[in-house]
N, C-alpha and C. Protein backbone atom coordinates (compact mmCIF):
# COMPACT_ATOMS: atom_id res chain seq x y z
N MET A 1 1.21 -0.92 0.27
CA MET A 1 0.36 -0.18 0.36
C MET A 1 0.73 1.14 -0.26
N LEU A 2 0.60 2.08 -1.32
CA LEU A 2 1.08 3.47 -0.83
C LEU A 2 0.46 4.34 -0.19
N LEU A 3 1.24 5.63 0.33
CA LEU A 3 -0.21 6.57 0.70
C LEU A 3 0.92 7.84 0.61
N ALA A 4 -0.08 8.69 0.55
CA ALA A 4 0.73 10.25 0.35
C ALA A 4 0.66 10.98 1.43
N LEU A 5 1.37 11.45 2.26
CA LEU A 5 0.96 12.35 3.01
C LEU A 5 1.20 13.86 3.38
N ILE A 6 -0.27 14.54 2.72
CA ILE A 6 0.07 15.78 2.43
C ILE A 6 -0.57 16.76 3.39
N ARG A 7 0.04 18.03 3.46
CA ARG A 7 0.10 19.48 4.11
C ARG A 7 -0.79 19.72 3.22
N HIS A 8 -2.02 20.70 4.09
CA HIS A 8 -2.76 20.73 3.40
C HIS A 8 -3.02 22.28 2.56
N GLY A 9 -3.16 23.04 1.91
CA GLY A 9 -2.78 24.72 1.41
C GLY A 9 -2.75 25.15 2.02
N GLN A 10 -2.46 26.81 1.57
CA GLN A 10 -1.99 27.83 2.98
C GLN A 10 -3.40 27.73 3.25
N THR A 11 -3.42 28.65 4.63
CA THR A 11 -4.78 29.51 5.15
C THR A 11 -4.52 30.63 5.74
N ASP A 12 -5.33 31.76 5.90
CA ASP A 12 -3.98 33.18 6.63
C ASP A 12 -3.83 33.24 7.75
N TRP A 13 -3.76 32.27 8.58
CA TRP A 13 -2.44 32.20 9.70
C TRP A 13 -1.79 31.93 9.56
N ASN A 14 -1.69 30.53 7.98
CA ASN A 14 -0.80 30.20 7.19
C ASN A 14 0.23 31.77 7.32
N LEU A 15 -0.15 32.10 6.37
CA LEU A 15 0.55 33.39 5.85
C LEU A 15 0.04 34.47 6.37
N ASN A 16 -0.49 34.93 7.81
CA ASN A 16 0.62 35.48 9.06
C ASN A 16 1.01 34.69 9.77
N GLY A 17 1.90 33.76 10.00
CA GLY A 17 2.85 33.60 11.22
C GLY A 17 1.84 32.81 12.01
N LEU A 18 0.61 32.53 12.06
CA LEU A 18 0.30 32.19 13.17
C LEU A 18 0.15 31.10 13.51
N MET A 19 0.04 30.53 15.25
CA MET A 19 -0.05 29.78 15.32
C MET A 19 -1.12 28.04 15.50
N GLN A 20 -1.33 27.25 14.32
CA GLN A 20 -3.03 26.77 14.18
C GLN A 20 -3.48 25.70 14.94
N GLY A 21 -2.77 24.81 14.85
CA GLY A 21 -3.50 23.87 15.18
C GLY A 21 -4.49 23.12 15.68
N ARG A 22 -5.68 23.58 16.15
CA ARG A 22 -6.83 22.22 16.43
C ARG A 22 -7.62 23.71 15.99
N THR A 23 -6.49 24.97 15.70
CA THR A 23 -8.41 25.84 15.45
C THR A 23 -8.81 25.55 13.85
N ASP A 24 -10.03 25.56 13.54
CA ASP A 24 -10.24 25.62 11.99
C ASP A 24 -10.31 26.99 10.86
N ILE A 25 -9.08 26.68 11.22
CA ILE A 25 -9.05 28.21 9.27
C ILE A 25 -9.56 27.52 8.46
N PRO A 26 -10.21 28.07 7.69
CA PRO A 26 -10.32 28.00 6.20
C PRO A 26 -9.24 28.13 5.09
N LEU A 27 -9.23 27.29 4.35
CA LEU A 27 -8.36 28.01 3.53
C LEU A 27 -8.44 28.94 2.79
N ASN A 28 -7.19 29.62 2.43
CA ASN A 28 -7.59 31.30 1.77
C ASN A 28 -6.86 30.90 -0.31
N ASP A 29 -7.29 32.05 -0.65
CA ASP A 29 -7.25 31.45 -1.91
C ASP A 29 -6.24 31.44 -2.58
N THR A 30 -5.31 31.91 -2.10
CA THR A 30 -3.68 30.77 -2.82
C THR A 30 -3.37 29.40 -2.16
N GLY A 31 -4.60 29.04 -0.98
CA GLY A 31 -4.24 27.69 -0.26
C GLY A 31 -5.28 26.50 -1.72
N ARG A 32 -6.08 27.11 -2.48
CA ARG A 32 -7.07 27.09 -2.87
C ARG A 32 -5.87 26.99 -4.57
N GLY A 33 -5.63 27.29 -4.70
CA GLY A 33 -4.47 27.31 -5.81
C GLY A 33 -3.27 26.70 -5.75
N GLN A 34 -3.11 26.02 -4.99
CA GLN A 34 -2.12 25.66 -4.12
C GLN A 34 -2.42 23.99 -4.57
N ALA A 35 -3.66 23.77 -3.93
CA ALA A 35 -4.36 22.70 -4.08
C ALA A 35 -4.63 21.47 -5.10
N LEU A 36 -5.03 23.08 -6.35
CA LEU A 36 -5.20 22.87 -7.81
C LEU A 36 -4.30 22.15 -8.30
N ALA A 37 -2.91 23.34 -8.20
CA ALA A 37 -1.75 23.12 -8.71
C ALA A 37 -1.01 21.56 -8.66
N ALA A 38 -0.99 20.97 -7.09
CA ALA A 38 -0.28 19.62 -6.75
C ALA A 38 -1.38 18.79 -7.41
N ALA A 39 -2.27 19.29 -7.69
CA ALA A 39 -3.87 17.69 -8.75
C ALA A 39 -3.16 18.00 -9.63
N SER A 40 -2.66 18.28 -10.54
CA SER A 40 -2.05 18.52 -12.07
C SER A 40 -0.66 17.90 -11.33
N ALA A 41 0.21 17.81 -10.70
CA ALA A 41 1.14 17.02 -10.22
C ALA A 41 0.99 15.68 -10.21
N PHE A 42 0.10 15.62 -8.90
CA PHE A 42 -0.47 14.16 -8.97
C PHE A 42 -0.95 13.22 -9.92
N ALA A 43 -1.14 14.05 -11.14
CA ALA A 43 -2.30 13.17 -12.21
C ALA A 43 -1.11 12.75 -12.88
N ALA A 44 -0.02 12.19 -12.61
CA ALA A 44 1.18 11.85 -14.02
C ALA A 44 1.21 10.39 -12.99
N ASP A 45 0.88 10.05 -11.82
CA ASP A 45 0.35 8.44 -11.34
C ASP A 45 -0.90 7.99 -11.01
N PRO A 46 -0.88 7.30 -10.84
CA PRO A 46 -2.50 6.50 -10.85
C PRO A 46 -3.18 6.40 -9.18
N TRP A 47 -3.94 7.26 -8.59
CA TRP A 47 -4.21 7.69 -7.59
C TRP A 47 -5.59 6.79 -7.34
N ASP A 48 -5.90 6.24 -6.07
CA ASP A 48 -7.35 5.28 -5.62
C ASP A 48 -8.63 6.39 -5.07
N VAL A 49 -8.23 7.21 -4.34
CA VAL A 49 -8.63 7.60 -3.54
C VAL A 49 -8.65 8.99 -2.53
N VAL A 50 -8.92 9.53 -2.12
CA VAL A 50 -8.31 11.27 -1.19
C VAL A 50 -9.24 10.80 0.12
N VAL A 51 -7.96 11.17 1.41
CA VAL A 51 -8.73 11.24 2.58
C VAL A 51 -8.17 12.27 3.73
N SER A 52 -8.73 12.61 4.30
CA SER A 52 -8.22 13.61 5.07
C SER A 52 -7.85 13.52 6.34
N SER A 53 -7.34 14.55 7.07
CA SER A 53 -8.05 15.30 8.58
C SER A 53 -9.30 15.76 8.23
N PRO A 54 -10.45 15.59 10.08
CA PRO A 54 -11.91 16.77 9.41
C PRO A 54 -11.19 18.13 9.61
N LEU A 55 -10.80 18.50 9.95
CA LEU A 55 -10.45 19.92 10.14
C LEU A 55 -10.26 20.56 8.46
N VAL A 56 -10.51 21.87 8.24
CA VAL A 56 -11.52 22.84 7.18
C VAL A 56 -10.22 22.66 6.04
N ARG A 57 -9.49 22.97 6.55
CA ARG A 57 -8.31 23.59 5.99
C ARG A 57 -7.93 22.08 4.55
N ALA A 58 -7.80 20.81 5.57
CA ALA A 58 -7.41 19.05 4.85
C ALA A 58 -8.51 18.62 4.12
N ARG A 59 -10.49 18.88 4.87
CA ARG A 59 -10.51 18.78 3.78
C ARG A 59 -11.01 19.69 2.66
N GLU A 60 -11.30 20.71 2.78
CA GLU A 60 -11.27 21.50 1.59
C GLU A 60 -10.43 20.95 0.39
N THR A 61 -8.83 20.92 1.10
CA THR A 61 -7.97 20.32 0.03
C THR A 61 -7.89 19.12 -0.32
N ALA A 62 -8.55 18.53 0.21
CA ALA A 62 -8.71 16.97 0.12
C ALA A 62 -9.81 16.68 -1.17
N GLU A 63 -10.82 17.53 -0.90
CA GLU A 63 -11.70 18.38 -2.27
C GLU A 63 -11.65 18.07 -2.73
N ILE A 64 -10.81 19.57 -3.27
CA ILE A 64 -10.14 19.96 -4.27
C ILE A 64 -9.66 18.71 -4.96
N LEU A 65 -8.15 17.90 -4.59
CA LEU A 65 -7.62 16.95 -4.93
C LEU A 65 -8.66 15.89 -5.88
N ALA A 66 -9.85 15.57 -5.08
CA ALA A 66 -10.13 14.53 -5.36
C ALA A 66 -11.54 14.88 -6.71
N SER A 67 -11.98 15.73 -6.38
CA SER A 67 -12.63 16.92 -7.55
C SER A 67 -11.49 17.30 -9.59
N THR A 68 -10.49 17.30 -9.44
CA THR A 68 -9.84 17.70 -10.27
C THR A 68 -9.13 16.36 -10.69
N LEU A 69 -9.07 15.35 -10.16
CA LEU A 69 -7.90 14.02 -10.44
C LEU A 69 -9.23 13.15 -10.85
N GLY A 70 -11.08 13.66 -10.11
CA GLY A 70 -11.70 12.74 -10.79
C GLY A 70 -11.72 12.04 -10.09
N LEU A 71 -11.34 11.58 -8.53
CA LEU A 71 -11.47 10.65 -7.88
C LEU A 71 -12.43 10.80 -6.53
N PRO A 72 -12.68 9.05 -6.06
CA PRO A 72 -13.90 9.56 -4.83
C PRO A 72 -12.48 10.31 -3.95
N LEU A 73 -13.70 10.85 -2.76
CA LEU A 73 -12.85 11.51 -1.52
C LEU A 73 -13.91 10.45 -0.66
N GLY A 74 -12.84 9.94 0.65
CA GLY A 74 -12.94 8.66 1.16
C GLY A 74 -13.57 9.33 2.51
N GLY A 75 -13.39 9.00 3.57
CA GLY A 75 -13.15 9.74 4.96
C GLY A 75 -12.62 10.59 5.30
N SER A 76 -12.53 11.31 6.87
CA SER A 76 -11.87 11.92 7.58
C SER A 76 -11.53 11.21 8.75
N TYR A 77 -10.72 11.41 8.31
CA TYR A 77 -9.95 10.76 10.53
C TYR A 77 -9.82 11.83 11.36
N ASP A 78 -10.32 11.13 12.20
CA ASP A 78 -9.47 12.45 13.19
C ASP A 78 -8.35 12.33 13.54
N ASP A 79 -7.32 10.95 14.05
CA ASP A 79 -6.41 10.79 14.05
C ASP A 79 -5.33 11.73 13.26
N LEU A 80 -5.78 12.02 11.83
CA LEU A 80 -5.31 13.10 11.06
C LEU A 80 -5.23 14.52 11.96
N ALA A 81 -6.29 14.85 12.61
CA ALA A 81 -6.06 16.28 12.99
C ALA A 81 -4.51 16.70 13.57
N GLU A 82 -4.82 18.22 13.60
CA GLU A 82 -3.48 17.86 14.11
C GLU A 82 -3.05 18.46 15.50
N GLN A 83 -2.30 17.80 15.17
CA GLN A 83 -1.63 18.87 17.02
C GLN A 83 -2.08 19.97 17.96
N ASP A 84 -3.49 19.27 19.12
CA ASP A 84 -3.65 21.01 19.65
C ASP A 84 -3.24 21.37 20.20
N PHE A 85 -2.81 22.55 20.29
CA PHE A 85 -1.30 23.29 20.63
C PHE A 85 -1.92 24.70 21.95
N GLY A 86 -2.57 24.27 22.35
CA GLY A 86 -3.82 24.88 23.21
C GLY A 86 -3.49 26.60 23.35
N ALA A 87 -3.53 26.56 24.37
CA ALA A 87 -3.10 28.57 24.46
C ALA A 87 -2.30 28.92 23.79
N ALA A 88 -1.09 28.04 23.24
CA ALA A 88 -0.63 29.06 21.65
C ALA A 88 -0.85 29.34 20.60
N GLU A 89 -2.12 28.87 20.55
CA GLU A 89 -3.04 29.09 19.35
C GLU A 89 -3.42 30.54 19.05
N GLY A 90 -3.23 31.16 17.44
CA GLY A 90 -3.50 32.17 18.07
C GLY A 90 -1.63 32.86 18.05
N THR A 91 -1.14 32.44 18.70
CA THR A 91 -0.05 33.34 18.94
C THR A 91 1.01 33.41 17.24
N PRO A 92 1.28 34.91 17.29
CA PRO A 92 2.52 34.87 16.61
C PRO A 92 3.48 34.03 16.68
N VAL A 93 4.22 32.46 15.55
CA VAL A 93 5.14 32.00 15.83
C VAL A 93 6.44 32.39 16.15
N SER A 94 6.38 33.51 16.02
CA SER A 94 8.06 34.61 16.20
C SER A 94 7.62 34.55 17.45
N GLU A 95 6.52 34.44 18.69
CA GLU A 95 6.81 35.04 20.02
C GLU A 95 6.56 34.06 20.48
N LEU A 96 6.68 32.46 20.11
CA LEU A 96 6.59 31.30 20.71
C LEU A 96 7.38 31.22 22.10
N LEU A 97 8.77 31.05 21.37
CA LEU A 97 9.57 30.57 22.59
C LEU A 97 10.12 31.90 23.77
N THR A 98 9.85 33.17 23.16
CA THR A 98 9.81 34.15 24.28
C THR A 98 8.20 33.84 25.40
N ARG A 99 7.37 33.61 24.99
CA ARG A 99 6.23 33.22 25.56
C ARG A 99 6.16 31.92 26.83
N TRP A 100 6.96 31.33 25.16
CA TRP A 100 6.86 29.42 26.00
C TRP A 100 8.01 29.18 25.83
N PRO A 101 9.01 29.38 26.38
CA PRO A 101 10.50 28.56 26.23
C PRO A 101 10.38 27.16 26.06
N ASP A 102 9.79 26.19 27.38
CA ASP A 102 9.33 25.17 27.13
C ASP A 102 8.74 24.60 26.30
N ARG A 103 7.85 25.40 25.72
CA ARG A 103 7.40 25.34 24.84
C ARG A 103 5.65 24.35 25.88
N ASP A 104 5.28 24.36 26.46
CA ASP A 104 4.71 23.88 27.15
C ASP A 104 3.54 24.60 27.30
N PHE A 105 2.59 24.84 26.15
CA PHE A 105 1.43 25.45 26.02
C PHE A 105 0.18 25.04 27.19
N ALA A 106 -0.65 25.25 27.98
CA ALA A 106 -1.66 25.38 28.35
C ALA A 106 -2.71 24.78 27.35
N GLY A 107 -3.18 23.14 27.78
CA GLY A 107 -3.89 22.88 27.47
C GLY A 107 -3.54 22.24 25.85
N LYS A 108 -1.79 22.18 25.90
CA LYS A 108 -1.52 21.14 24.69
C LYS A 108 -1.54 19.74 24.50
N GLU A 109 -2.04 19.15 23.44
CA GLU A 109 -1.80 17.55 23.36
C GLU A 109 -0.19 17.18 23.47
N PRO A 110 0.34 16.13 24.31
CA PRO A 110 1.76 16.11 24.83
C PRO A 110 2.10 15.26 23.72
N ASP A 111 3.30 15.88 22.92
CA ASP A 111 4.73 15.60 21.66
C ASP A 111 4.11 13.99 21.51
N ALA A 112 4.07 13.10 23.08
CA ALA A 112 4.55 11.74 22.70
C ALA A 112 3.33 11.54 22.35
N HIS A 113 2.00 11.82 22.63
CA HIS A 113 0.91 11.58 21.48
C HIS A 113 0.36 11.51 20.05
N VAL A 114 1.50 11.96 19.81
CA VAL A 114 0.93 12.77 18.78
C VAL A 114 1.07 11.92 17.39
N GLY A 115 2.87 10.71 17.01
CA GLY A 115 2.86 10.34 16.17
C GLY A 115 2.18 9.08 16.60
N PRO A 116 1.99 7.99 17.76
CA PRO A 116 0.75 7.28 17.68
C PRO A 116 -0.09 7.75 17.14
N ARG A 117 -0.88 8.42 17.55
CA ARG A 117 -2.60 8.64 17.05
C ARG A 117 -2.13 9.17 14.98
N GLY A 118 -0.64 9.91 15.09
CA GLY A 118 -0.82 9.48 12.91
C GLY A 118 -0.86 8.49 12.85
N LEU A 119 -0.57 7.43 13.80
CA LEU A 119 -0.16 6.05 12.91
C LEU A 119 -1.48 4.89 12.99
N ARG A 120 -2.01 5.05 14.03
CA ARG A 120 -3.05 4.65 14.69
C ARG A 120 -4.13 4.90 12.90
N GLY A 121 -4.19 6.40 12.73
CA GLY A 121 -5.00 7.17 11.67
C GLY A 121 -4.23 5.74 10.48
N LEU A 122 -2.84 6.45 10.32
CA LEU A 122 -2.45 5.29 8.49
C LEU A 122 -3.18 3.54 9.08
N ASP A 123 -3.05 3.18 9.84
CA ASP A 123 -3.40 2.25 10.15
C ASP A 123 -5.47 1.98 9.73
N ARG A 124 -6.16 2.57 10.32
CA ARG A 124 -7.19 2.71 9.94
C ARG A 124 -7.95 3.18 8.22
N ILE A 125 -6.89 3.54 8.17
CA ILE A 125 -6.76 3.91 6.19
C ILE A 125 -6.40 3.09 5.60
N VAL A 126 -6.14 1.94 6.25
CA VAL A 126 -5.46 0.00 5.40
C VAL A 126 -6.60 -0.55 5.32
N ARG A 127 -7.02 -0.61 6.95
CA ARG A 127 -8.44 -1.06 7.25
C ARG A 127 -9.42 -1.04 5.85
N ASP A 128 -9.73 0.72 5.89
CA ASP A 128 -10.95 1.16 5.50
C ASP A 128 -10.57 0.90 3.28
N HIS A 129 -9.36 1.24 3.19
CA HIS A 129 -8.67 0.76 1.86
C HIS A 129 -6.93 0.73 1.62
N GLY A 130 -7.17 -1.27 2.24
CA GLY A 130 -6.66 -1.66 2.47
C GLY A 130 -5.84 -1.86 0.58
N GLY A 131 -4.25 -1.91 0.21
CA GLY A 131 -4.04 -2.55 -1.41
C GLY A 131 -3.99 -0.88 -2.00
N ALA A 132 -4.78 0.09 -1.83
CA ALA A 132 -5.23 1.36 -2.09
C ALA A 132 -4.20 2.17 -2.08
N ARG A 133 -3.81 2.55 -3.15
CA ARG A 133 -2.85 4.00 -3.48
C ARG A 133 -3.31 5.01 -2.88
N VAL A 134 -3.40 5.99 -1.75
CA VAL A 134 -4.54 6.64 -1.08
C VAL A 134 -3.51 7.75 -1.02
N LEU A 135 -4.40 9.31 -1.24
CA LEU A 135 -3.78 10.51 -0.74
C LEU A 135 -4.13 11.06 0.59
N ALA A 136 -3.21 11.53 1.21
CA ALA A 136 -4.23 11.72 2.86
C ALA A 136 -3.46 13.61 3.14
N VAL A 137 -4.96 13.84 3.25
CA VAL A 137 -4.54 15.93 3.85
C VAL A 137 -4.64 15.42 5.14
N ALA A 138 -3.37 16.03 5.58
CA ALA A 138 -2.88 16.34 6.57
C ALA A 138 -2.03 17.24 7.19
N HIS A 139 -1.64 17.73 8.37
CA HIS A 139 -1.26 18.52 9.13
C HIS A 139 0.22 18.76 9.20
N GLY A 140 0.73 19.98 8.78
CA GLY A 140 2.38 19.29 8.93
C GLY A 140 3.30 18.80 10.58
N THR A 141 2.91 19.67 11.12
CA THR A 141 3.47 18.88 12.87
C THR A 141 2.61 17.35 12.99
N LEU A 142 1.52 16.86 12.47
CA LEU A 142 0.88 15.59 12.29
C LEU A 142 2.60 14.56 11.98
N ILE A 143 2.45 15.05 10.73
CA ILE A 143 3.27 14.50 9.86
C ILE A 143 4.75 14.60 9.96
N ARG A 144 5.23 15.46 10.60
CA ARG A 144 6.40 15.23 11.07
C ARG A 144 6.56 14.05 12.30
N HIS A 145 5.57 14.45 13.13
CA HIS A 145 5.56 13.53 14.29
C HIS A 145 5.36 11.53 13.49
N THR A 146 4.29 12.03 12.74
CA THR A 146 3.85 10.44 12.63
C THR A 146 5.27 9.67 11.68
N LEU A 147 6.19 10.82 10.75
CA LEU A 147 6.99 9.93 10.11
C LEU A 147 8.85 9.85 11.34
N ALA A 148 8.74 9.96 11.30
CA ALA A 148 9.22 10.17 13.03
C ALA A 148 8.93 9.03 14.02
N GLU A 149 7.76 8.88 14.68
CA GLU A 149 7.47 7.21 15.29
C GLU A 149 7.65 6.56 14.21
N ILE A 150 7.74 5.95 12.96
CA ILE A 150 7.73 5.40 11.94
C ILE A 150 9.16 4.97 11.83
N THR A 151 10.42 5.96 12.13
CA THR A 151 11.43 6.28 11.53
C THR A 151 12.34 6.15 12.78
N GLY A 152 11.97 6.50 14.24
CA GLY A 152 12.46 6.30 15.34
C GLY A 152 13.36 7.67 15.52
N HIS A 153 13.12 8.53 14.83
CA HIS A 153 13.74 9.86 14.99
C HIS A 153 13.07 10.80 15.69
N GLU A 154 13.76 11.96 15.64
CA GLU A 154 12.89 12.99 16.60
C GLU A 154 12.16 13.86 15.39
N ALA A 155 10.85 14.25 15.85
CA ALA A 155 9.97 14.82 15.04
C ALA A 155 10.32 16.05 14.58
N ARG A 156 11.52 16.68 15.72
CA ARG A 156 11.64 18.13 16.03
C ARG A 156 13.07 18.01 14.79
N ASP A 157 13.48 17.04 14.27
CA ASP A 157 14.33 17.00 13.42
C ASP A 157 14.40 16.92 12.22
N TYR A 158 13.13 16.55 12.05
CA TYR A 158 12.31 16.76 10.51
C TYR A 158 12.55 17.93 9.94
N PRO A 159 12.96 17.99 8.95
CA PRO A 159 12.12 19.65 8.34
C PRO A 159 10.63 20.69 7.78
N ARG A 160 10.73 21.54 8.19
CA ARG A 160 9.33 21.91 8.03
C ARG A 160 8.60 21.44 6.64
N LEU A 161 7.75 21.50 6.91
CA LEU A 161 6.74 20.71 5.48
C LEU A 161 5.99 21.76 5.14
N ASP A 162 6.30 22.48 3.41
CA ASP A 162 5.64 23.49 3.07
C ASP A 162 4.18 22.99 2.67
N ASN A 163 3.25 24.19 2.02
CA ASN A 163 1.65 23.63 2.17
C ASN A 163 1.68 22.94 0.85
N LEU A 164 1.16 21.94 0.61
CA LEU A 164 0.92 21.00 -0.33
C LEU A 164 1.97 19.94 -0.30
N SER A 165 2.85 19.56 0.19
CA SER A 165 3.64 18.97 0.31
C SER A 165 3.47 17.75 0.32
N SER A 166 4.28 16.95 0.04
CA SER A 166 4.24 14.88 0.33
C SER A 166 4.82 14.75 0.61
N SER A 167 4.58 13.70 1.67
CA SER A 167 5.70 12.49 2.33
C SER A 167 4.78 11.08 1.37
N PHE A 168 6.00 9.94 0.89
CA PHE A 168 5.34 9.04 0.48
C PHE A 168 5.64 8.02 1.26
N VAL A 169 4.89 7.48 2.21
CA VAL A 169 4.95 5.99 3.13
C VAL A 169 4.50 5.23 2.41
N ARG A 170 4.81 3.33 3.04
CA ARG A 170 4.81 2.02 2.00
C ARG A 170 4.40 1.21 3.06
N ARG A 171 3.40 0.58 3.11
CA ARG A 171 3.06 -0.23 4.07
C ARG A 171 3.46 -1.96 3.61
N ALA A 172 4.64 -2.54 4.20
CA ALA A 172 4.61 -3.78 3.19
C ALA A 172 4.72 -4.77 4.71
N ASP A 173 4.41 -5.75 4.63
CA ASP A 173 4.78 -6.68 5.69
C ASP A 173 4.61 -5.97 7.29
N ALA A 174 3.27 -5.27 6.88
CA ALA A 174 2.73 -5.39 8.50
C ALA A 174 4.09 -3.91 9.55
N ALA A 175 4.51 -3.67 7.74
CA ALA A 175 5.20 -2.55 8.75
C ALA A 175 5.03 -1.35 7.96
N TRP A 176 5.24 0.49 8.67
CA TRP A 176 5.77 1.30 7.73
C TRP A 176 6.74 1.03 7.98
N GLN A 177 7.13 2.36 6.11
CA GLN A 177 8.33 2.40 5.54
C GLN A 177 8.43 4.43 5.07
N VAL A 178 9.14 4.68 5.55
CA VAL A 178 8.91 6.26 5.04
C VAL A 178 9.70 6.22 3.89
N LEU A 179 9.25 6.47 2.13
CA LEU A 179 10.19 6.70 1.00
C LEU A 179 10.91 8.25 0.68
N THR A 180 10.01 9.38 0.91
CA THR A 180 10.24 10.73 0.74
C THR A 180 9.56 11.48 2.17
N VAL A 181 10.22 12.58 2.17
CA VAL A 181 10.01 13.65 3.13
C VAL A 181 9.57 14.78 2.64
N GLY A 182 8.42 15.71 2.39
CA GLY A 182 8.23 16.72 1.42
C GLY A 182 8.66 16.57 -0.05
N GLY A 183 8.82 15.93 -0.42
CA GLY A 183 9.64 15.66 -2.08
C GLY A 183 10.63 15.46 -1.98
N THR A 184 11.76 15.21 -0.78
CA THR A 184 12.81 14.81 -0.92
C THR A 184 13.47 13.35 -0.33
N PRO A 185 14.17 12.11 -1.28
CA PRO A 185 14.07 10.90 -0.62
C PRO A 185 14.19 10.50 0.61
N PHE A 186 13.61 9.65 1.46
CA PHE A 186 14.13 9.34 2.61
C PHE A 186 15.98 9.53 3.15
N ASP A 187 16.47 8.90 1.96
CA ASP A 187 17.64 8.64 1.97
C ASP A 187 18.65 9.82 2.04
N ALA A 188 17.92 10.62 1.35
CA ALA A 188 18.31 12.32 1.73
C ALA A 188 18.81 12.66 2.79
N VAL A 189 17.18 13.24 3.29
CA VAL A 189 17.14 13.67 4.61
C VAL A 189 17.77 12.65 5.64
N LEU A 190 17.92 11.02 5.76
CA LEU A 190 18.61 10.28 7.27
C LEU A 190 20.07 11.12 7.97
N PRO A 191 20.74 11.39 6.51
CA PRO A 191 22.25 11.85 7.83
C PRO A 191 21.76 13.10 8.38
N GLU A 192 20.56 14.03 8.37
CA GLU A 192 20.23 14.97 9.13
C GLU A 192 19.80 14.47 10.01
N LEU A 193 19.13 13.64 10.25
CA LEU A 193 18.08 12.93 10.74
C LEU A 193 18.93 12.42 12.00
N GLU A 194 19.60 11.46 11.45
CA GLU A 194 21.45 10.93 12.69
C GLU A 194 22.32 12.05 13.06
N ALA A 195 22.68 13.30 12.49
CA ALA A 195 22.83 14.21 13.04
C ALA A 195 23.10 15.21 13.90
N ALA A 196 21.23 15.23 13.91
CA ALA A 196 20.68 15.50 15.08
C ALA A 196 20.33 15.14 16.27
N ALA A 197 20.94 13.84 15.68
CA ALA A 197 20.66 13.25 17.15
C ALA A 197 21.84 12.59 17.35
N ALA A 198 22.73 12.92 17.21
CA ALA A 198 24.72 12.75 17.90
C ALA A 198 24.47 13.57 19.00
C-alpha cells in the first residue's frame, strides 16, 4: 500500500505566521490554488482515493484534489487532525519561544501522543482502503510526528513541510516505511536526522 501524506493548502493564519493547531481555519485563495497545482502533479501517477483530517483546511484541500483528479473523496480521520497547541493557538510563531521557552502551552496535546495517533490514523486507512494508493491530506506537525514514529527519530529534527508538500510512506509486511519527506528521498534526509541525534 502506498500513501502520500500531504500538508493542506495555505490559510490566512499560515500567511500571517500564526500558530494554528486545532483551530479550524479555512483555506485562502492561495491555498486553493496550491491544491489545484498539486493535483496536476499527482495526475502523473495512478491514485485510488483521497482522504483527510476532519479540519476544514485539510478537508477542502482533499475535496479540490479529488474533484480535479476525478477520484472518490473518502472519509475524514480524527487521528489525522493537527496537534492541539492549546493556549498557543492564534499566537504569532515568532513569539512562541519568548512566551513559552519550553513550549509548555496550557492545554497542549503531549508531543509523545501525536506520532502514535498519526500511526493509528494510517492503520485505519489501511483497514478502509487496504492495498489502495491513497492521498491523505493532513497537517505539518502531525505528519512530522508520524514520520518520526515510523523511523524512530525525533519529530523536531524533521524538516518543516511546505503547504501541499507530500511525504510518501509504504506499508509492506505489516510495517510502514518512509520513502520521501516533503518530496525529498528519505535517504537524503536521513543523514541530517542522524546528525541531529548524535
